[in-house]
Amino acid sequence: MIGFKLTYNNETIKVGIPKGVTSINLTRVLLEDRDEIDIHTGGLDKEINQHLRWLVMKLKLGDKLLIEVEEFEEADPPHKMVAQDSEDLVLQAKLKSYHSLKKELEEKGLI
């Protein structure tokens, strides 16, 4: 399979899914109450309908990351596997979020 070899602070993991989606996300958040940088490696294995997570951690200044695209036989085992939500649960969550955001905008007089 083709996947990612991620080296961080001198540790290396292989992340990949034969049939599905594999991702590495870096996020920087700077808000009034939050100041953080995170890395999240995971994906969706469509053969078993599971979300996989290899690495989720906070980063700090000076951390070093190297991402290489490689072909390998097997990825490292994920640290966590979670069943994929059904479409109904996803729609319910989106609807709940919509109503919450709508209420907030109405209270501020924006809609």
C-alpha atoms as a PDB file:
ATOM      1  CA  MET A   1       0.000   0.000   0.000  1.00  0.00           C
ATOM      2  CA  ILE A   2       1.034   3.623  -0.357  1.00  0.00           C
ATOM      3  CA  GLY A   3       0.964   5.599   2.841  1.00  0.00           C
ATOM      4  CA  PHE A   4       2.893   8.073   4.962  1.00  0.00           C
ATOM      5  CA  LYS A   5       6.004   7.542   7.012  1.00  0.00           C
ATOM      6  CA  LEU A   6       5.919  10.175   9.741  1.00  0.00           C
ATOM      7  CA  THR A   7       9.027  10.949  11.754  1.00  0.00           C
ATOM      8  CA  TYR A   8       8.490  13.209  14.759  1.00  0.00           C
ATOM      9  CA  ASN A   9      11.047  13.975  17.453  1.00  0.00           C
ATOM     10  CA  ASN A  10      13.166  10.985  16.292  1.00  0.00           C
ATOM     11  CA  GLU A  11      10.258   8.494  16.421  1.00  0.00           C
ATOM     12  CA  THR A  12       8.785   6.981  13.261  1.00  0.00           C
ATOM     13  CA  ILE A  13       5.371   5.520  12.428  1.00  0.00           C
ATOM     14  CA  LYS A  14       3.906   4.183   9.194  1.00  0.00           C
ATOM     15  CA  VAL A  15       0.349   5.291   8.520  1.00  0.00           C
ATOM     16  CA  GLY A  16      -1.745   3.795   5.737  1.00  0.00           C
ATOM     17  CA  ILE A  17      -5.004   2.106   4.818  1.00  0.00           C
ATOM     18  CA  PRO A  18      -5.263  -0.264   1.829  1.00  0.00           C
ATOM     19  CA  LYS A  19      -8.817   0.807   0.912  1.00  0.00           C
ATOM     20  CA  GLY A  20     -10.041   4.083   2.340  1.00  0.00           C
ATOM     21  CA  VAL A  21      -8.700   7.461   3.395  1.00  0.00           C
ATOM     22  CA  THR A  22      -5.484   8.281   5.247  1.00  0.00           C
ATOM     23  CA  SER A  23      -4.692  11.775   6.511  1.00  0.00           C
ATOM     24  CA  ILE A  24      -2.206  13.800   8.506  1.00  0.00           C
ATOM     25  CA  ASN A  25      -3.587  17.100   9.805  1.00  0.00           C
ATOM     26  CA  LEU A  26      -1.680  19.911  11.444  1.00  0.00           C
ATOM     27  CA  THR A  27      -3.769  22.498  13.266  1.00  0.00           C
ATOM     28  CA  ARG A  28      -2.815  25.824  14.816  1.00  0.00           C
ATOM     29  CA  VAL A  29      -5.394  27.391  17.131  1.00  0.00           C
ATOM     30  CA  LEU A  30      -4.949  30.846  18.666  1.00  0.00           C
ATOM     31  CA  LEU A  31      -8.057  32.146  20.411  1.00  0.00           C
ATOM     32  CA  GLU A  32      -8.764  34.001  23.642  1.00  0.00           C
ATOM     33  CA  ASP A  33      -8.838  30.771  25.648  1.00  0.00           C
ATOM     34  CA  ARG A  34      -6.713  28.456  23.472  1.00  0.00           C
ATOM     35  CA  ASP A  35      -3.180  28.533  22.129  1.00  0.00           C
ATOM     36  CA  GLU A  36      -2.125  25.195  20.696  1.00  0.00           C
ATOM     37  CA  ILE A  37      -0.674  23.308  17.782  1.00  0.00           C
ATOM     38  CA  ASP A  38      -1.815  19.727  17.189  1.00  0.00           C
ATOM     39  CA  ILE A  39      -1.104  16.844  14.864  1.00  0.00           C
ATOM     40  CA  HIS A  40      -3.686  14.196  14.062  1.00  0.00           C
ATOM     41  CA  THR A  41      -2.998  11.115  11.953  1.00  0.00           C
ATOM     42  CA  GLY A  42      -5.870   8.873  11.050  1.00  0.00           C
ATOM     43  CA  GLY A  43      -8.265   7.762   8.420  1.00  0.00           C
ATOM     44  CA  LEU A  44     -11.247   5.685   7.429  1.00  0.00           C
ATOM     45  CA  ASP A  45     -10.871   2.016   6.544  1.00  0.00           C
ATOM     46  CA  LYS A  46     -13.808   1.300   4.214  1.00  0.00           C
ATOM     47  CA  GLU A  47     -13.260  -2.486   4.328  1.00  0.00           C
ATOM     48  CA  ILE A  48     -14.119  -2.602   8.047  1.00  0.00           C
ATOM     49  CA  ASN A  49     -16.001   0.726   8.377  1.00  0.00           C
ATOM     50  CA  GLN A  50     -13.704   1.948  11.130  1.00  0.00           C
ATOM     51  CA  HIS A  51     -12.040   5.283  11.811  1.00  0.00           C
ATOM     52  CA  LEU A  52      -8.388   4.650  12.687  1.00  0.00           C
ATOM     53  CA  ARG A  53      -6.109   6.902  14.742  1.00  0.00           C
ATOM     54  CA  TRP A  54      -2.371   6.524  14.986  1.00  0.00           C
ATOM     55  CA  LEU A  55      -1.117   9.712  16.544  1.00  0.00           C
ATOM     56  CA  VAL A  56      -2.909  12.635  18.154  1.00  0.00           C
ATOM     57  CA  MET A  57      -0.696  14.986  20.120  1.00  0.00           C
ATOM     58  CA  LYS A  58       0.090  18.576  20.948  1.00  0.00           C
ATOM     59  CA  LEU A  59       3.157  20.086  19.312  1.00  0.00           C
ATOM     60  CA  LYS A  60       5.467  22.703  20.716  1.00  0.00           C
ATOM     61  CA  LEU A  61       8.070  25.050  19.312  1.00  0.00           C
ATOM     62  CA  GLY A  62      11.084  23.145  18.094  1.00  0.00           C
ATOM     63  CA  ASP A  63       9.261  19.882  17.342  1.00  0.00           C
ATOM     64  CA  LYS A  64      10.458  18.388  14.073  1.00  0.00           C
ATOM     65  CA  LEU A  65       8.216  16.539  11.614  1.00  0.00           C
ATOM     66  CA  LEU A  66       9.170  14.728   8.437  1.00  0.00           C
ATOM     67  CA  ILE A  67       6.450  13.250   6.219  1.00  0.00           C
ATOM     68  CA  GLU A  68       7.447  10.867   3.425  1.00  0.00           C
ATOM     69  CA  VAL A  69       5.148   9.160   0.922  1.00  0.00           C
ATOM     70  CA  GLU A  70       6.179   5.509   0.777  1.00  0.00           C
ATOM     71  CA  GLU A  71       5.002   2.101  -0.304  1.00  0.00           C
ATOM     72  CA  PHE A  72       5.002  -0.601   2.368  1.00  0.00           C
ATOM     73  CA  GLU A  73       3.348  -3.944   3.098  1.00  0.00           C
ATOM     74  CA  GLU A  74       1.784  -2.991   6.440  1.00  0.00           C
ATOM     75  CA  ALA A  75       1.169   0.154   8.426  1.00  0.00           C
ATOM     76  CA  ASP A  76       1.816   0.304  12.132  1.00  0.00           C
ATOM     77  CA  PRO A  77      -1.206  -0.751  14.187  1.00  0.00           C
ATOM     78  CA  PRO A  78      -3.473   2.213  15.021  1.00  0.00           C
ATOM     79  CA  HIS A  79      -3.773   3.282  18.643  1.00  0.00           C
ATOM     80  CA  LYS A  80      -7.544   3.589  18.369  1.00  0.00           C
ATOM     81  CA  MET A  81     -10.349   2.252  16.171  1.00  0.00           C
ATOM     82  CA  VAL A  82     -13.875   3.691  16.231  1.00  0.00           C
ATOM     83  CA  ALA A  83     -16.901   2.462  14.277  1.00  0.00           C
ATOM     84  CA  GLN A  84     -17.992   4.773  11.456  1.00  0.00           C
ATOM     85  CA  ASP A  85     -21.152   6.693  12.303  1.00  0.00           C
ATOM     86  CA  SER A  86     -24.273   5.798  10.401  1.00  0.00           C
ATOM     87  CA  GLU A  87     -25.667   8.414   8.002  1.00  0.00           C
ATOM     88  CA  ASP A  88     -28.604   9.018  10.362  1.00  0.00           C
ATOM     89  CA  LEU A  89     -26.301   9.855  13.273  1.00  0.00           C
ATOM     90  CA  VAL A  90     -24.250  12.194  11.099  1.00  0.00           C
ATOM     91  CA  LEU A  91     -27.386  13.986   9.887  1.00  0.00           C
ATOM     92  CA  GLN A  92     -28.690  14.307  13.453  1.00  0.00           C
ATOM     93  CA  ALA A  93     -25.387  15.831  14.582  1.00  0.00           C
ATOM     94  CA  LYS A  94     -25.395  18.290  11.669  1.00  0.00           C
ATOM     95  CA  LEU A  95     -28.992  19.295  12.399  1.00  0.00           C
ATOM     96  CA  LYS A  96     -28.212  19.851  16.084  1.00  0.00           C
ATOM     97  CA  SER A  97     -25.230  22.011  15.125  1.00  0.00           C
ATOM     98  CA  TYR A  98     -27.354  23.976  12.643  1.00  0.00           C
ATOM     99  CA  HIS A  99     -30.037  24.760  15.235  1.00  0.00           C
ATOM    100  CA  SER A 100     -27.415  25.794  17.795  1.00  0.00           C
ATOM    101  CA  LEU A 101     -25.674  28.134  15.346  1.00  0.00           C
ATOM    102  CA  LYS A 102     -29.002  29.531  14.112  1.00  0.00           C
ATOM    103  CA  LYS A 103     -30.057  30.334  17.689  1.00  0.00           C
ATOM    104  CA  GLU A 104     -26.739  32.052  18.365  1.00  0.00           C
ATOM    105  CA  LEU A 105     -27.022  34.204  15.239  1.00  0.00           C
ATOM    106  CA  GLU A 106     -30.664  35.095  16.053  1.00  0.00           C
ATOM    107  CA  GLU A 107     -29.680  36.140  19.586  1.00  0.00           C
ATOM    108  CA  LYS A 108     -27.012  38.443  18.115  1.00  0.00           C
ATOM    109  CA  GLY A 109     -29.566  39.876  15.660  1.00  0.00           C
ATOM    110  CA  LEU A 110     -27.603  38.745  12.636  1.00  0.00           C
ATOM    111  CA  ILE A 111     -30.505  36.770  11.147  1.00  0.00           C
END
